Amino acid sequence: MTKDKLLLLSRLKLRVEGLRKQGKTVALANGLFDLLHVGHLRYLEGASLEADLLVVAINSDGSARQLKGPSRPVVPEAERAELVAGFACVDFVVLFEETDVRRILRELRPDVHCKGTDYIAENVPEAPVARELGVRIAIVGDPKRHATRDLIQRLRSGD
């Protein structure tokens, strides 16, 4: 069930620890995932290839506003989380309040931290924490040709 994939960080940590004991590896991807588009799917499918399990951390409404401004997100956090959890390639979803996933990295200690192609390993905001923890950084997905802000702009202009 899709909703079974949605966990609080404390429960997620316990689930991941149990699966690790079974030899599973863990990838972490993150983002707002506001107005889903094919770029999101390709990013998550690419991230899922990096480990046995894919955990997706989704910005809360508050952190989305901090990052993108008062008009975002368009879709509320609970709906964004449920939609992302619906992807077959996603194993677990967790919401987070911060503007980056440093705390999630420290708590979950994934094997790999996945970012989209709008990053290079050197400019990933969480790179220092990932290095400190021994977490590999992987750049995944297709070239950045899709963006929620572009969709919003097109919708507003009527194109």
Protein backbone atom coordinates (compact mmCIF):
# COMPACT_ATOMS: atom_id res chain seq x y z
CA MET A 1 0.00 0.00 0.00
CA THR A 2 1.27 3.47 -0.88
CA LYS A 3 0.50 4.96 2.54
CA ASP A 4 2.56 2.20 4.21
CA LYS A 5 5.62 3.76 2.60
CA LEU A 6 5.08 7.08 4.44
CA LEU A 7 6.99 7.06 7.72
CA LEU A 8 8.14 9.45 10.41
CA LEU A 9 11.92 9.60 10.66
CA SER A 10 12.04 7.61 13.92
CA ARG A 11 10.04 4.70 12.38
CA LEU A 12 11.94 4.93 9.11
CA LYS A 13 15.25 4.67 10.95
CA LEU A 14 14.12 1.44 12.65
CA ARG A 15 12.84 -0.05 9.36
CA VAL A 16 16.06 0.81 7.54
CA GLU A 17 18.21 -0.62 10.35
CA GLY A 18 16.25 -3.89 10.16
CA LEU A 19 16.61 -4.11 6.39
CA ARG A 20 20.32 -3.31 6.63
CA LYS A 21 20.72 -6.34 8.90
CA GLN A 22 19.36 -8.35 5.98
CA GLY A 23 22.16 -6.99 3.80
CA LYS A 24 20.17 -4.29 2.00
CA THR A 25 21.82 -1.07 0.81
CA VAL A 26 20.06 2.29 1.03
CA ALA A 27 19.92 5.30 -1.31
CA LEU A 28 18.54 8.68 -0.25
CA ALA A 29 17.03 11.15 -2.71
CA ASN A 30 15.30 14.39 -1.79
CA GLY A 31 13.33 17.31 -3.15
CA LEU A 32 10.07 19.25 -3.14
CA PHE A 33 8.35 17.16 -5.83
CA ASP A 34 5.77 19.90 -6.41
CA LEU A 35 3.74 19.34 -9.61
CA LEU A 36 5.28 16.01 -10.56
CA HIS A 37 6.81 15.73 -14.02
CA VAL A 38 8.85 13.22 -15.99
CA GLY A 39 12.12 14.69 -14.69
CA HIS A 40 11.09 13.70 -11.15
CA LEU A 41 10.34 10.15 -12.26
CA ARG A 42 13.65 9.82 -14.12
CA TYR A 43 15.56 11.18 -11.09
CA LEU A 44 13.90 8.70 -8.74
CA GLU A 45 14.30 5.77 -11.12
CA GLY A 46 17.98 6.62 -11.46
CA ALA A 47 18.35 6.89 -7.68
CA SER A 48 16.68 3.52 -7.19
CA LEU A 49 19.39 1.87 -9.29
CA GLU A 50 22.07 2.99 -6.83
CA ALA A 51 20.99 0.70 -3.94
CA ASP A 52 18.53 -1.99 -2.89
CA LEU A 53 16.17 0.48 -1.22
CA LEU A 54 15.23 4.04 -2.10
CA VAL A 55 14.24 6.50 0.61
CA VAL A 56 12.87 9.82 -0.60
CA ALA A 57 12.92 12.83 1.73
CA ILE A 58 10.35 15.47 0.79
CA ASN A 59 10.48 19.09 1.89
CA SER A 60 7.63 20.09 4.20
CA ASP A 61 5.41 22.96 3.14
CA GLY A 62 7.36 25.27 5.47
CA SER A 63 10.76 24.38 4.07
CA ALA A 64 9.39 24.58 0.52
CA ARG A 65 8.26 28.16 1.21
CA GLN A 66 11.70 28.98 2.64
CA LEU A 67 13.37 27.70 -0.52
CA LYS A 68 10.91 28.78 -3.23
CA GLY A 69 8.90 31.67 -1.79
CA PRO A 70 5.41 32.23 -0.40
CA SER A 71 3.52 30.87 -3.41
CA ARG A 72 5.05 27.41 -3.11
CA PRO A 73 4.38 24.61 -2.79
CA VAL A 74 1.37 24.33 -5.06
CA VAL A 75 0.57 20.82 -3.81
CA PRO A 76 0.42 20.25 0.00
CA GLU A 77 3.10 18.09 1.63
CA ALA A 78 0.84 15.14 2.46
CA GLU A 79 -0.30 14.88 -1.16
CA ARG A 80 3.23 15.29 -2.54
CA ALA A 81 4.45 12.54 -0.19
CA GLU A 82 1.65 10.19 -1.19
CA LEU A 83 2.22 10.78 -4.91
CA VAL A 84 5.96 10.09 -4.64
CA ALA A 85 5.28 7.00 -2.52
CA GLY A 86 3.11 5.75 -5.39
CA PHE A 87 6.12 5.32 -7.66
CA ALA A 88 7.17 1.67 -7.87
CA CYS A 89 10.85 2.61 -7.55
CA VAL A 90 10.31 4.29 -4.14
CA ASP A 91 10.45 2.19 -0.99
CA PHE A 92 9.94 4.82 1.73
CA VAL A 93 9.05 8.51 2.00
CA VAL A 94 9.77 10.87 4.87
CA LEU A 95 8.95 14.57 5.25
CA PHE A 96 11.56 16.96 6.60
CA GLU A 97 11.37 20.53 7.90
CA GLU A 98 14.88 21.77 7.10
CA THR A 99 16.02 23.24 3.78
CA ASP A 100 18.54 20.43 3.22
CA VAL A 101 18.90 16.80 4.27
CA ARG A 102 22.00 16.97 6.47
CA ARG A 103 20.02 15.75 9.49
CA ILE A 104 18.43 12.92 7.49
CA LEU A 105 21.90 11.84 6.31
CA ARG A 106 23.15 11.78 9.90
CA GLU A 107 20.11 9.86 11.14
CA LEU A 108 19.78 7.30 8.33
CA ARG A 109 23.40 7.03 7.18
CA PRO A 110 22.48 5.81 3.69
CA ASP A 111 25.04 4.14 1.48
CA VAL A 112 24.48 6.70 -1.25
CA HIS A 113 23.01 10.20 -1.47
CA CYS A 114 21.46 10.87 -4.87
CA LYS A 115 21.06 14.29 -6.43
CA GLY A 116 19.75 15.38 -9.81
CA THR A 117 21.78 16.49 -12.79
CA ASP A 118 21.41 20.15 -11.83
CA TYR A 119 24.22 19.34 -9.34
CA ILE A 120 27.76 18.09 -9.58
CA ALA A 121 29.23 16.16 -6.66
CA GLU A 122 31.26 19.20 -5.55
CA ASN A 123 28.26 21.55 -5.18
CA VAL A 124 25.83 19.21 -3.40
CA PRO A 125 24.83 21.16 -0.26
CA GLU A 126 25.19 18.07 1.93
CA ALA A 127 28.53 16.96 0.46
CA PRO A 128 30.63 17.77 3.56
CA VAL A 129 28.32 15.71 5.79
CA ALA A 130 28.20 12.89 3.24
CA ARG A 131 32.02 12.79 3.12
CA GLU A 132 32.23 12.84 6.91
CA LEU A 133 29.86 9.85 7.12
CA GLY A 134 31.38 7.93 4.21
CA VAL A 135 28.22 8.30 2.11
CA ARG A 136 28.80 8.13 -1.64
CA ILE A 137 27.22 10.90 -3.74
CA ALA A 138 25.63 9.90 -7.05
CA ILE A 139 24.31 12.30 -9.69
CA VAL A 140 21.34 10.60 -11.34
CA GLY A 141 18.47 11.26 -13.73
CA ASP A 142 18.27 12.83 -17.13
CA PRO A 143 19.62 16.26 -18.07
CA LYS A 144 17.71 19.03 -16.30
CA ARG A 145 15.18 19.96 -18.99
CA HIS A 146 12.09 19.82 -16.79
CA ALA A 147 11.29 22.12 -13.89
CA THR A 148 8.22 22.76 -11.79
CA ARG A 149 8.80 26.52 -12.00
CA ASP A 150 8.58 26.26 -15.81
CA LEU A 151 5.28 24.36 -15.53
CA ILE A 152 3.90 26.99 -13.16
CA GLN A 153 5.00 29.80 -15.49
CA ARG A 154 3.37 28.08 -18.47
CA LEU A 155 0.14 27.58 -16.53
CA ARG A 156 0.06 31.21 -15.42
CA SER A 157 0.74 32.54 -18.92
CA GLY A 158 -1.87 30.28 -20.50
CA ASP A 159 0.59 28.63 -22.93
